[in-house]
C-alpha atoms as a PDB file:
ATOM      1  CA  MET A   1      66.121  54.285  -4.510  1.00  0.00           C
ATOM      2  CA  TYR A   2      64.223  53.289  -1.404  1.00  0.00           C
ATOM      3  CA  ASN A   3      63.953  50.075   0.524  1.00  0.00           C
ATOM      4  CA  ARG A   4      60.763  48.498   1.955  1.00  0.00           C
ATOM      5  CA  LYS A   5      60.915  50.732   4.999  1.00  0.00           C
ATOM      6  CA  GLY A   6      60.989  53.822   2.810  1.00  0.00           C
ATOM      7  CA  LEU A   7      64.581  54.718   3.567  1.00  0.00           C
ATOM      8  CA  ASN A   8      66.934  55.974   0.908  1.00  0.00           C
ATOM      9  CA  ILE A   9      69.532  53.272   0.217  1.00  0.00           C
ATOM     10  CA  ARG A  10      72.168  55.712  -0.901  1.00  0.00           C
ATOM     11  CA  ASP A  11      71.841  57.719   2.265  1.00  0.00           C
ATOM     12  CA  GLU A  12      72.173  54.582   4.302  1.00  0.00           C
ATOM     13  CA  ILE A  13      75.313  53.574   2.419  1.00  0.00           C
ATOM     14  CA  ASN A  14      76.825  56.981   2.919  1.00  0.00           C
ATOM     15  CA  LYS A  15      76.261  56.695   6.638  1.00  0.00           C
ATOM     16  CA  LEU A  16      78.508  53.550   6.762  1.00  0.00           C
ATOM     17  CA  PRO A  17      82.150  54.039   7.792  1.00  0.00           C
ATOM     18  CA  PRO A  18      84.583  54.151   4.851  1.00  0.00           C
ATOM     19  CA  ILE A  19      86.468  50.931   3.967  1.00  0.00           C
ATOM     20  CA  ARG A  20      90.101  51.196   4.850  1.00  0.00           C
ATOM     21  CA  LYS A  21      92.744  50.136   2.323  1.00  0.00           C
ATOM     22  CA  GLU A  22      94.578  48.171   4.997  1.00  0.00           C
ATOM     23  CA  TRP A  23      91.604  45.872   5.305  1.00  0.00           C
ATOM     24  CA  ILE A  24      91.661  45.225   1.550  1.00  0.00           C
ATOM     25  CA  TYR A  25      95.350  44.354   1.666  1.00  0.00           C
ATOM     26  CA  ILE A  26      94.859  42.086   4.670  1.00  0.00           C
ATOM     27  CA  GLY A  27      91.967  40.285   2.981  1.00  0.00           C
ATOM     28  CA  PHE A  28      93.985  39.847  -0.208  1.00  0.00           C
ATOM     29  CA  LEU A  29      96.917  38.474   1.762  1.00  0.00           C
ATOM     30  CA  CYS A  30      94.620  36.060   3.597  1.00  0.00           C
ATOM     31  CA  VAL A  31      93.156  34.799   0.323  1.00  0.00           C
ATOM     32  CA  MET A  32      96.645  34.392  -1.134  1.00  0.00           C
ATOM     33  CA  ALA A  33      97.811  32.529   1.992  1.00  0.00           C
ATOM     34  CA  VAL A  34      94.867  30.157   1.839  1.00  0.00           C
ATOM     35  CA  TRP A  35      95.445  29.566  -1.855  1.00  0.00           C
ATOM     36  CA  ILE A  36      99.166  28.965  -1.345  1.00  0.00           C
ATOM     37  CA  LEU A  37      98.536  26.562   1.529  1.00  0.00           C
ATOM     38  CA  SER A  38      95.840  24.676  -0.369  1.00  0.00           C
ATOM     39  CA  SER A  39      98.014  24.341  -3.473  1.00  0.00           C
ATOM     40  CA  GLY A  40     101.262  23.708  -1.599  1.00  0.00           C
ATOM     41  CA  PHE A  41     100.126  20.784   0.592  1.00  0.00           C
ATOM     42  CA  PHE A  42      98.705  17.497  -0.616  1.00  0.00           C
ATOM     43  CA  THR A  43      97.725  14.162   0.928  1.00  0.00           C
ATOM     44  CA  VAL A  44      98.509  10.682  -0.401  1.00  0.00           C
ATOM     45  CA  ASP A  45      96.141   7.882   0.687  1.00  0.00           C
ATOM     46  CA  ALA A  46      97.313   4.533   2.027  1.00  0.00           C
ATOM     47  CA  ASP A  47      96.763   2.675  -1.259  1.00  0.00           C
ATOM     48  CA  GLU A  48      98.437   5.367  -3.378  1.00  0.00           C
ATOM     49  CA  VAL A  49     101.873   6.672  -4.301  1.00  0.00           C
ATOM     50  CA  GLY A  50     102.415  10.367  -5.003  1.00  0.00           C
ATOM     51  CA  ILE A  51     104.244  11.095  -8.262  1.00  0.00           C
ATOM     52  CA  VAL A  52     105.441  14.711  -8.202  1.00  0.00           C
ATOM     53  CA  GLN A  53     106.053  16.500 -11.523  1.00  0.00           C
ATOM     54  CA  ARG A  54     107.719  19.869 -11.962  1.00  0.00           C
ATOM     55  CA  PHE A  55     106.537  21.568 -15.133  1.00  0.00           C
ATOM     56  CA  GLY A  56     105.396  18.130 -16.312  1.00  0.00           C
ATOM     57  CA  LYS A  57     108.709  16.347 -15.662  1.00  0.00           C
ATOM     58  CA  TYR A  58     108.962  13.591 -13.068  1.00  0.00           C
ATOM     59  CA  VAL A  59     110.818  14.769  -9.947  1.00  0.00           C
ATOM     60  CA  ARG A  60     110.181  12.373  -7.092  1.00  0.00           C
ATOM     61  CA  SER A  61     107.854   9.778  -5.559  1.00  0.00           C
ATOM     62  CA  VAL A  62     106.341  10.184  -2.097  1.00  0.00           C
ATOM     63  CA  GLU A  63     104.769   7.673   0.259  1.00  0.00           C
ATOM     64  CA  PRO A  64     101.289   7.966   1.839  1.00  0.00           C
ATOM     65  CA  GLY A  65     100.820  10.918   4.154  1.00  0.00           C
ATOM     66  CA  LEU A  66     100.868  14.740   4.117  1.00  0.00           C
ATOM     67  CA  HIS A  67     103.469  16.358   1.855  1.00  0.00           C
ATOM     68  CA  LEU A  68     104.506  19.775   0.536  1.00  0.00           C
ATOM     69  CA  LYS A  69     105.038  20.842  -3.074  1.00  0.00           C
ATOM     70  CA  ILE A  70     105.799  24.052  -4.883  1.00  0.00           C
ATOM     71  CA  PRO A  71     102.488  25.901  -5.413  1.00  0.00           C
ATOM     72  CA  PHE A  72     101.190  28.011  -8.284  1.00  0.00           C
ATOM     73  CA  GLY A  73     101.110  24.949 -10.558  1.00  0.00           C
ATOM     74  CA  VAL A  74     104.894  24.620 -10.644  1.00  0.00           C
ATOM     75  CA  GLU A  75     104.646  21.115  -9.231  1.00  0.00           C
ATOM     76  CA  THR A  76     101.694  18.799  -9.801  1.00  0.00           C
ATOM     77  CA  VAL A  77     100.907  15.419  -8.281  1.00  0.00           C
ATOM     78  CA  GLU A  78      99.508  12.208  -9.744  1.00  0.00           C
ATOM     79  CA  LYS A  79      98.289   9.553  -7.319  1.00  0.00           C
ATOM     80  CA  PRO A  80      98.088   6.098  -8.938  1.00  0.00           C
ATOM     81  CA  LYS A  81      96.591   3.423  -6.692  1.00  0.00           C
ATOM     82  CA  VAL A  82      99.435   0.904  -6.468  1.00  0.00           C
ATOM     83  CA  GLN A  83      97.796  -1.294  -3.806  1.00  0.00           C
ATOM     84  CA  ARG A  84      94.509  -1.821  -5.638  1.00  0.00           C
ATOM     85  CA  VAL A  85      93.885  -4.863  -7.826  1.00  0.00           C
ATOM     86  CA  PHE A  86      92.261  -3.813 -11.090  1.00  0.00           C
ATOM     87  CA  LYS A  87      90.241  -6.068 -13.382  1.00  0.00           C
ATOM     88  CA  SER A  88      89.657  -6.091 -17.117  1.00  0.00           C
ATOM     89  CA  GLU A  89      86.917  -8.247 -18.629  1.00  0.00           C
ATOM     90  CA  PHE A  90      86.918  -9.694 -22.144  1.00  0.00           C
ATOM     91  CA  GLY A  91      83.879 -11.089 -23.932  1.00  0.00           C
ATOM     92  CA  PHE A  92      81.477  -9.745 -21.276  1.00  0.00           C
ATOM     93  CA  ARG A  93      81.024  -6.817 -18.911  1.00  0.00           C
ATOM     94  CA  THR A  94      79.764  -6.821 -15.334  1.00  0.00           C
ATOM     95  CA  GLU A  95      77.275  -4.060 -14.641  1.00  0.00           C
ATOM     96  CA  LYS A  96      76.528  -4.879 -11.015  1.00  0.00           C
ATOM     97  CA  ALA A  97      78.475  -7.321  -8.874  1.00  0.00           C
ATOM     98  CA  GLY A  98      77.019  -9.052  -5.857  1.00  0.00           C
ATOM     99  CA  VAL A  99      74.982 -12.088  -4.896  1.00  0.00           C
ATOM    100  CA  HIS A 100      73.001 -11.733  -8.110  1.00  0.00           C
ATOM    101  CA  THR A 101      75.543 -10.408 -10.577  1.00  0.00           C
ATOM    102  CA  GLN A 102      74.152  -8.473 -13.515  1.00  0.00           C
ATOM    103  CA  TYR A 103      75.948  -8.572 -16.852  1.00  0.00           C
ATOM    104  CA  SER A 104      75.689  -6.261 -19.810  1.00  0.00           C
ATOM    105  CA  LEU A 105      73.422  -7.343 -22.633  1.00  0.00           C
ATOM    106  CA  ILE A 106      75.767  -5.878 -25.245  1.00  0.00           C
ATOM    107  CA  ASP A 107      77.367  -8.426 -27.565  1.00  0.00           C
ATOM    108  CA  TYR A 108      81.159  -8.588 -27.116  1.00  0.00           C
ATOM    109  CA  SER A 109      81.707 -11.563 -29.412  1.00  0.00           C
ATOM    110  CA  ASN A 110      84.253  -9.515 -31.384  1.00  0.00           C
ATOM    111  CA  GLU A 111      86.546 -10.050 -28.379  1.00  0.00           C
ATOM    112  CA  SER A 112      85.643 -13.610 -27.424  1.00  0.00           C
ATOM    113  CA  LEU A 113      85.064 -15.440 -30.720  1.00  0.00           C
ATOM    114  CA  MET A 114      88.334 -17.167 -31.675  1.00  0.00           C
ATOM    115  CA  LEU A 115      89.684 -19.712 -34.148  1.00  0.00           C
ATOM    116  CA  THR A 116      91.255 -22.829 -32.615  1.00  0.00           C
ATOM    117  CA  GLY A 117      94.163 -24.833 -33.959  1.00  0.00           C
ATOM    118  CA  ASP A 118      91.915 -27.468 -35.549  1.00  0.00           C
ATOM    119  CA  LEU A 119      89.993 -24.766 -37.479  1.00  0.00           C
ATOM    120  CA  ASN A 120      87.019 -24.725 -35.141  1.00  0.00           C
ATOM    121  CA  THR A 121      85.655 -21.710 -33.313  1.00  0.00           C
ATOM    122  CA  ALA A 122      85.260 -21.169 -29.589  1.00  0.00           C
ATOM    123  CA  ASP A 123      83.625 -18.403 -27.569  1.00  0.00           C
ATOM    124  CA  VAL A 124      86.248 -17.602 -24.899  1.00  0.00           C
ATOM    125  CA  GLU A 125      85.524 -15.202 -22.031  1.00  0.00           C
ATOM    126  CA  TRP A 126      88.255 -14.292 -19.552  1.00  0.00           C
ATOM    127  CA  ILE A 127      89.342 -11.730 -16.984  1.00  0.00           C
ATOM    128  CA  VAL A 128      92.728 -10.151 -16.266  1.00  0.00           C
ATOM    129  CA  GLN A 129      93.582  -8.989 -12.743  1.00  0.00           C
ATOM    130  CA  TYR A 130      96.573  -6.686 -12.426  1.00  0.00           C
ATOM    131  CA  LYS A 131      98.286  -4.105 -10.228  1.00  0.00           C
ATOM    132  CA  ILE A 132     100.407  -1.030 -10.903  1.00  0.00           C
ATOM    133  CA  ASN A 133     103.918  -2.273 -10.205  1.00  0.00           C
ATOM    134  CA  ASP A 134     105.916   0.765 -11.353  1.00  0.00           C
ATOM    135  CA  PRO A 135     103.871   3.996 -11.165  1.00  0.00           C
ATOM    136  CA  VAL A 136     106.492   6.049 -13.050  1.00  0.00           C
ATOM    137  CA  LYS A 137     106.416   3.716 -16.051  1.00  0.00           C
ATOM    138  CA  TYR A 138     102.641   3.490 -15.760  1.00  0.00           C
ATOM    139  CA  LEU A 139     102.263   7.280 -16.048  1.00  0.00           C
ATOM    140  CA  PHE A 140     104.956   8.239 -18.545  1.00  0.00           C
ATOM    141  CA  ASN A 141     105.917   5.299 -20.826  1.00  0.00           C
ATOM    142  CA  VAL A 142     102.601   4.464 -22.508  1.00  0.00           C
ATOM    143  CA  ARG A 143      99.890   6.920 -23.526  1.00  0.00           C
ATOM    144  CA  ASN A 144      96.883   4.684 -22.753  1.00  0.00           C
ATOM    145  CA  VAL A 145      97.872   1.795 -20.509  1.00  0.00           C
ATOM    146  CA  THR A 146      94.390   0.274 -20.174  1.00  0.00           C
ATOM    147  CA  GLU A 147      93.870   0.136 -23.918  1.00  0.00           C
ATOM    148  CA  THR A 148      97.360  -1.324 -24.373  1.00  0.00           C
ATOM    149  CA  LEU A 149      96.601  -4.008 -21.811  1.00  0.00           C
ATOM    150  CA  SER A 150      93.359  -4.906 -23.609  1.00  0.00           C
ATOM    151  CA  ASP A 151      95.081  -5.176 -26.989  1.00  0.00           C
ATOM    152  CA  VAL A 152      97.967  -7.239 -25.595  1.00  0.00           C
ATOM    153  CA  SER A 153      95.719  -9.625 -23.660  1.00  0.00           C
ATOM    154  CA  GLU A 154      93.413 -10.200 -26.612  1.00  0.00           C
ATOM    155  CA  ALA A 155      96.332 -10.835 -28.990  1.00  0.00           C
ATOM    156  CA  VAL A 156      97.969 -13.268 -26.575  1.00  0.00           C
ATOM    157  CA  MET A 157      94.739 -15.168 -25.898  1.00  0.00           C
ATOM    158  CA  ARG A 158      94.086 -15.579 -29.615  1.00  0.00           C
ATOM    159  CA  GLN A 159      97.620 -16.908 -30.050  1.00  0.00           C
ATOM    160  CA  VAL A 160      97.332 -19.399 -27.186  1.00  0.00           C
ATOM    161  CA  VAL A 161      93.872 -20.601 -28.277  1.00  0.00           C
ATOM    162  CA  GLY A 162      95.050 -20.880 -31.880  1.00  0.00           C
ATOM    163  CA  ASP A 163      97.746 -23.354 -30.825  1.00  0.00           C
ATOM    164  CA  ARG A 164      95.223 -25.830 -29.368  1.00  0.00           C
ATOM    165  CA  SER A 165      92.253 -27.872 -30.489  1.00  0.00           C
ATOM    166  CA  VAL A 166      88.706 -26.932 -29.562  1.00  0.00           C
ATOM    167  CA  ASP A 167      88.499 -29.814 -27.050  1.00  0.00           C
ATOM    168  CA  GLU A 168      91.647 -28.602 -25.307  1.00  0.00           C
ATOM    169  CA  VAL A 169      90.334 -25.054 -25.141  1.00  0.00           C
ATOM    170  CA  ILE A 170      86.885 -25.938 -23.831  1.00  0.00           C
ATOM    171  CA  VAL A 171      87.622 -28.927 -21.592  1.00  0.00           C
ATOM    172  CA  LEU A 172      91.130 -30.303 -21.353  1.00  0.00           C
ATOM    173  CA  SER A 173      93.733 -27.523 -21.108  1.00  0.00           C
ATOM    174  CA  ARG A 174      92.113 -24.576 -19.340  1.00  0.00           C
ATOM    175  CA  GLN A 175      94.812 -24.360 -16.658  1.00  0.00           C
ATOM    176  CA  GLU A 176      97.609 -24.532 -19.215  1.00  0.00           C
ATOM    177  CA  ILE A 177      95.980 -21.800 -21.305  1.00  0.00           C
ATOM    178  CA  GLU A 178      95.668 -19.510 -18.268  1.00  0.00           C
ATOM    179  CA  THR A 179      99.288 -20.051 -17.261  1.00  0.00           C
ATOM    180  CA  GLU A 180     100.721 -19.519 -20.724  1.00  0.00           C
ATOM    181  CA  ALA A 181      98.519 -16.487 -21.413  1.00  0.00           C
ATOM    182  CA  GLN A 182      99.632 -14.874 -18.138  1.00  0.00           C
ATOM    183  CA  ARG A 183     103.308 -15.478 -18.937  1.00  0.00           C
ATOM    184  CA  LEU A 184     103.132 -14.100 -22.492  1.00  0.00           C
ATOM    185  CA  THR A 185     101.028 -11.098 -21.465  1.00  0.00           C
ATOM    186  CA  GLN A 186     103.483 -10.179 -18.717  1.00  0.00           C
ATOM    187  CA  GLU A 187     106.417 -10.447 -21.135  1.00  0.00           C
ATOM    188  CA  LEU A 188     104.779  -8.051 -23.610  1.00  0.00           C
ATOM    189  CA  LEU A 189     103.758  -5.568 -20.911  1.00  0.00           C
ATOM    190  CA  ASP A 190     107.314  -5.557 -19.582  1.00  0.00           C
ATOM    191  CA  TYR A 191     108.636  -5.085 -23.114  1.00  0.00           C
ATOM    192  CA  TYR A 192     106.415  -2.022 -23.606  1.00  0.00           C
ATOM    193  CA  GLY A 193     107.317  -0.705 -20.139  1.00  0.00           C
ATOM    194  CA  THR A 194     103.742  -0.332 -18.918  1.00  0.00           C
ATOM    195  CA  GLY A 195     104.592  -0.745 -15.236  1.00  0.00           C
ATOM    196  CA  LEU A 196     101.793  -3.309 -14.777  1.00  0.00           C
ATOM    197  CA  ASN A 197     102.043  -6.654 -13.010  1.00  0.00           C
ATOM    198  CA  ILE A 198      99.590  -9.395 -13.991  1.00  0.00           C
ATOM    199  CA  ILE A 199      98.144 -11.068 -10.888  1.00  0.00           C
ATOM    200  CA  THR A 200      96.137 -13.729 -12.687  1.00  0.00           C
ATOM    201  CA  ILE A 201      94.295 -14.544 -15.910  1.00  0.00           C
ATOM    202  CA  LYS A 202      91.180 -16.663 -15.458  1.00  0.00           C
ATOM    203  CA  LEU A 203      89.020 -18.229 -18.145  1.00  0.00           C
ATOM    204  CA  GLN A 204      85.326 -17.754 -17.430  1.00  0.00           C
ATOM    205  CA  ASP A 205      82.807 -19.299 -19.830  1.00  0.00           C
ATOM    206  CA  VAL A 206      84.408 -21.191 -22.721  1.00  0.00           C
ATOM    207  CA  ASN A 207      81.786 -22.566 -25.093  1.00  0.00           C
ATOM    208  CA  PRO A 208      81.365 -23.459 -28.740  1.00  0.00           C
ATOM    209  CA  PRO A 209      79.418 -20.949 -30.836  1.00  0.00           C
ATOM    210  CA  LYS A 210      75.680 -20.925 -30.164  1.00  0.00           C
ATOM    211  CA  PRO A 211      74.643 -22.613 -33.473  1.00  0.00           C
ATOM    212  CA  VAL A 212      76.618 -25.763 -32.597  1.00  0.00           C
ATOM    213  CA  GLN A 213      76.220 -25.846 -28.820  1.00  0.00           C
ATOM    214  CA  ALA A 214      73.532 -28.547 -28.905  1.00  0.00           C
ATOM    215  CA  ALA A 215      75.668 -30.893 -30.998  1.00  0.00           C
ATOM    216  CA  PHE A 216      78.700 -30.180 -28.844  1.00  0.00           C
ATOM    217  CA  ASN A 217      76.723 -31.004 -25.696  1.00  0.00           C
ATOM    218  CA  GLU A 218      75.702 -34.338 -27.197  1.00  0.00           C
ATOM    219  CA  VAL A 219      79.349 -35.103 -27.933  1.00  0.00           C
ATOM    220  CA  ASN A 220      80.269 -34.248 -24.339  1.00  0.00           C
ATOM    221  CA  GLU A 221      77.517 -36.505 -23.017  1.00  0.00           C
ATOM    222  CA  ALA A 222      78.765 -39.368 -25.192  1.00  0.00           C
ATOM    223  CA  ARG A 223      82.311 -38.745 -23.979  1.00  0.00           C
ATOM    224  CA  GLN A 224      81.152 -38.781 -20.365  1.00  0.00           C
ATOM    225  CA  GLU A 225      79.262 -42.031 -20.956  1.00  0.00           C
ATOM    226  CA  LYS A 226      82.405 -43.502 -22.467  1.00  0.00           C
ATOM    227  CA  GLU A 227      84.434 -42.417 -19.437  1.00  0.00           C
ATOM    228  CA  ARG A 228      81.831 -43.936 -17.117  1.00  0.00           C
ATOM    229  CA  ILE A 229      81.962 -47.314 -18.889  1.00  0.00           C
ATOM    230  CA  ILE A 230      85.755 -47.270 -18.872  1.00  0.00           C
ATOM    231  CA  ASN A 231      85.795 -46.487 -15.161  1.00  0.00           C
ATOM    232  CA  GLU A 232      83.382 -49.321 -14.434  1.00  0.00           C
ATOM    233  CA  ALA A 233      85.552 -51.714 -16.469  1.00  0.00           C
ATOM    234  CA  LEU A 234      88.643 -50.548 -14.598  1.00  0.00           C
ATOM    235  CA  GLU A 235      86.842 -51.056 -11.312  1.00  0.00           C
ATOM    236  CA  ALA A 236      85.929 -54.627 -12.267  1.00  0.00           C
ATOM    237  CA  TYR A 237      89.473 -55.208 -13.502  1.00  0.00           C
ATOM    238  CA  ASN A 238      90.960 -53.929 -10.265  1.00  0.00           C
ATOM    239  CA  LYS A 239      88.622 -56.204  -8.339  1.00  0.00           C
ATOM    240  CA  VAL A 240      89.152 -59.440 -10.316  1.00  0.00           C
ATOM    241  CA  ILE A 241      92.838 -59.237 -11.220  1.00  0.00           C
ATOM    242  CA  PRO A 242      94.173 -58.907  -7.639  1.00  0.00           C
ATOM    243  CA  GLN A 243      91.964 -61.806  -6.574  1.00  0.00           C
ATOM    244  CA  ALA A 244      93.246 -63.974  -9.420  1.00  0.00           C
ATOM    245  CA  LYS A 245      96.821 -62.964  -8.621  1.00  0.00           C
ATOM    246  CA  GLY A 246      96.251 -63.914  -4.987  1.00  0.00           C
ATOM    247  CA  GLN A 247      94.879 -67.313  -5.949  1.00  0.00           C
ATOM    248  CA  ALA A 248      97.764 -67.931  -8.349  1.00  0.00           C
ATOM    249  CA  GLU A 249     100.234 -66.945  -5.655  1.00  0.00           C
ATOM    250  CA  GLN A 250      98.528 -69.332  -3.243  1.00  0.00           C
ATOM    251  CA  VAL A 251      98.727 -72.234  -5.723  1.00  0.00           C
ATOM    252  CA  ILE A 252     102.391 -71.449  -6.401  1.00  0.00           C
ATOM    253  CA  ARG A 253     103.168 -71.428  -2.684  1.00  0.00           C
ATOM    254  CA  GLN A 254     101.324 -74.744  -2.196  1.00  0.00           C
ATOM    255  CA  ALA A 255     103.228 -76.303  -5.091  1.00  0.00           C
ATOM    256  CA  GLU A 256     106.503 -75.022  -3.715  1.00  0.00           C
ATOM    257  CA  GLY A 257     105.630 -76.443  -0.290  1.00  0.00           C
ATOM    258  CA  TYR A 258     104.670 -79.795  -1.823  1.00  0.00           C
ATOM    259  CA  ALA A 259     107.906 -79.886  -3.825  1.00  0.00           C
ATOM    260  CA  THR A 260     109.955 -79.065  -0.757  1.00  0.00           C
ATOM    261  CA  ASN A 261     108.157 -81.761   1.234  1.00  0.00           C
ATOM    262  CA  ARG A 262     108.698 -84.397  -1.467  1.00  0.00           C
ATOM    263  CA  ILE A 263     112.357 -83.478  -1.813  1.00  0.00           C
ATOM    264  CA  ASN A 264     112.898 -83.682   1.924  1.00  0.00           C
ATOM    265  CA  ARG A 265     111.103 -86.990   2.144  1.00  0.00           C
ATOM    266  CA  ALA A 266     113.104 -88.376  -0.783  1.00  0.00           C
ATOM    267  CA  LYS A 267     116.322 -87.229   0.844  1.00  0.00           C
ATOM    268  CA  GLY A 268     115.223 -88.848   4.131  1.00  0.00           C
ATOM    269  CA  ASP A 269     114.355 -92.135   2.415  1.00  0.00           C
ATOM    270  CA  ALA A 270     117.652 -92.109   0.566  1.00  0.00           C
ATOM    271  CA  GLU A 271     119.595 -91.427   3.738  1.00  0.00           C
ATOM    272  CA  ARG A 272     117.617 -94.148   5.549  1.00  0.00           C
ATOM    273  CA  PHE A 273     118.336 -96.617   2.751  1.00  0.00           C
ATOM    274  CA  LEU A 274     122.029 -95.767   2.867  1.00  0.00           C
ATOM    275  CA  ASP A 275     122.069 -96.232   6.637  1.00  0.00           C
ATOM    276  CA  VAL A 276     120.384 -99.611   6.268  1.00  0.00           C
ATOM    277  CA  TRP A 277     122.764-100.575   3.505  1.00  0.00           C
ATOM    278  CA  HIS A 278     125.766 -99.666   5.656  1.00  0.00           C
ATOM    279  CA  GLU A 279     124.359-101.723   8.541  1.00  0.00           C
ATOM    280  CA  TYR A 280     123.606-104.593   6.180  1.00  0.00           C
ATOM    281  CA  ASN A 281     127.219-104.666   5.032  1.00  0.00           C
ATOM    282  CA  LYS A 282     128.330-104.835   8.633  1.00  0.00           C
ATOM    283  CA  ALA A 283     125.981-107.753   9.611  1.00  0.00           C
ATOM    284  CA  LYS A 284     124.175-109.128   6.623  1.00  0.00           C
ATOM    285  CA  ASP A 285     122.357-112.008   8.347  1.00  0.00           C
ATOM    286  CA  VAL A 286     121.107-109.948  11.280  1.00  0.00           C
ATOM    287  CA  THR A 287     120.077-107.095   9.020  1.00  0.00           C
ATOM    288  CA  ARG A 288     118.260-109.462   6.645  1.00  0.00           C
ATOM    289  CA  ARG A 289     116.297-110.982   9.537  1.00  0.00           C
ATOM    290  CA  ARG A 290     115.483-107.532  10.959  1.00  0.00           C
ATOM    291  CA  LEU A 291     114.258-106.303   7.594  1.00  0.00           C
ATOM    292  CA  TYR A 292     112.170-109.440   7.184  1.00  0.00           C
ATOM    293  CA  LEU A 293     110.575-109.073  10.596  1.00  0.00           C
ATOM    294  CA  GLU A 294     109.894-105.363  10.129  1.00  0.00           C
ATOM    295  CA  THR A 295     108.287-106.067   6.785  1.00  0.00           C
ATOM    296  CA  MET A 296     106.124-108.795   8.250  1.00  0.00           C
ATOM    297  CA  LEU A 297     105.058-106.494  11.079  1.00  0.00           C
ATOM    298  CA  GLU A 298     103.987-103.957   8.528  1.00  0.00           C
ATOM    299  CA  ILE A 299     102.071-106.195   6.139  1.00  0.00           C
ATOM    300  CA  MET A 300     100.686-108.974   8.361  1.00  0.00           C
ATOM    301  CA  PRO A 301      97.970-106.855  10.022  1.00  0.00           C
ATOM    302  CA  LYS A 302      96.508-106.155   6.577  1.00  0.00           C
ATOM    303  CA  PHE A 303      95.528-109.820   5.960  1.00  0.00           C
ATOM    304  CA  GLU A 304      92.168-111.185   7.126  1.00  0.00           C
ATOM    305  CA  ASN A 305      93.199-114.896   7.326  1.00  0.00           C
ATOM    306  CA  ILE A 306      96.662-116.112   8.016  1.00  0.00           C
ATOM    307  CA  TYR A 307      97.654-119.752   7.298  1.00  0.00           C
ATOM    308  CA  ILE A 308     100.812-121.268   8.655  1.00  0.00           C
ATOM    309  CA  VAL A 309     101.635-124.361   6.552  1.00  0.00           C
ATOM    310  CA  ASP A 310     104.176-127.056   7.131  1.00  0.00           C
ATOM    311  CA  GLU A 311     106.530-127.583   4.252  1.00  0.00           C
ATOM    312  CA  ASP A 312     105.728-131.321   4.201  1.00  0.00           C
ATOM    313  CA  GLN A 313     101.973-130.803   4.240  1.00  0.00           C
ATOM    314  CA  LYS A 314     100.068-132.438   1.351  1.00  0.00           C
ATOM    315  CA  GLY A 315      96.471-131.979   0.356  1.00  0.00           C
ATOM    316  CA  PHE A 316      96.404-128.412   1.443  1.00  0.00           C
ATOM    317  CA  LEU A 317      93.509-127.333  -0.762  1.00  0.00           C
ATOM    318  CA  PRO A 318      90.792-129.589   0.920  1.00  0.00           C
ATOM    319  CA  LEU A 319      91.707-128.023   4.245  1.00  0.00           C
ATOM    320  CA  LEU A 320      91.071-124.580   2.777  1.00  0.00           C
ATOM    321  CA  GLU A 321      87.670-125.716   1.528  1.00  0.00           C
ATOM    322  CA  LEU A 322      86.699-126.989   5.004  1.00  0.00           C
ATOM    323  CA  SER A 323      87.777-123.748   6.538  1.00  0.00           C
ATOM    324  CA  LYS A 324      85.625-121.762   4.131  1.00  0.00           C
ATOM    325  CA  LYS A 325      82.618-124.007   4.813  1.00  0.00           C
ATOM    326  CA  GLY A 326      83.146-123.607   8.534  1.00  0.00           C
ATOM    327  CA  VAL A 327      83.176-119.902   8.102  1.00  0.00           C
ATOM    328  CA  THR A 328      80.002-119.948   6.062  1.00  0.00           C
ATOM    329  CA  LYS A 329      78.292-121.872   8.804  1.00  0.00           C
END
């Protein structure tokens, strides 16, 4: 066998120095050392926890950083991400998140279509956000934790929705449904020992089935119109009633003031009368004259013509006639 230069390859190989066995041993030892080092050291990232198993049995947990384990497959490491928040979607799937989120066109109505307590149907879409709370339970208690979470969440949501009317599910009680679903889901996951902690359960789109959406929208519009009219009536009520109450209060205060004034005046007149009566008893003649004069002073200015007549005067009427004629002139 010859190469391109016409040289015999075998002759060229024979000219090379023989390979020493020490070099083979050294190379083997180097390979073994590299393999031992690569299988004996491992790194745990900041959002992970290292779960070390020896022949498949849990031995210890290690924090983030560089660690050593027994090589040759005696000890293996699982690294669940305990700091990451995971999300499960029900009734829909997100293919690409971002400013313009893209959703899968596959129909997931088998998850979202539910029967409400008043025997109506609602299309309920929701998400579950959770974290790995106990990595040991997460890895060893349940065979398929994600599938268990999906089954538990779907069963709980159907139970919660089934206890409420369609109006409560779609409009009125969304917050209550989320809170109760989160509580019941967490209780079941703890019962099964999944090691998961539910962060939140959020309802997304909750709608009636497509065949009745148009009718349901009309009902909602009528309900909104009703609420608008009620609010306008309440606004008018709140405007008129306080004004009427203020006017009534004003009239009451005026009446109370008038009553107080009349009472005080009556008390003053009574006290004045009593004082006069006491003085009259002390000096009847003087008091009678004083009362007469005071009365005359009060009423005399109100007369236009005053006639002073002698008691013995006779033929008084002709004098009055002359006076009237004199006035007419």
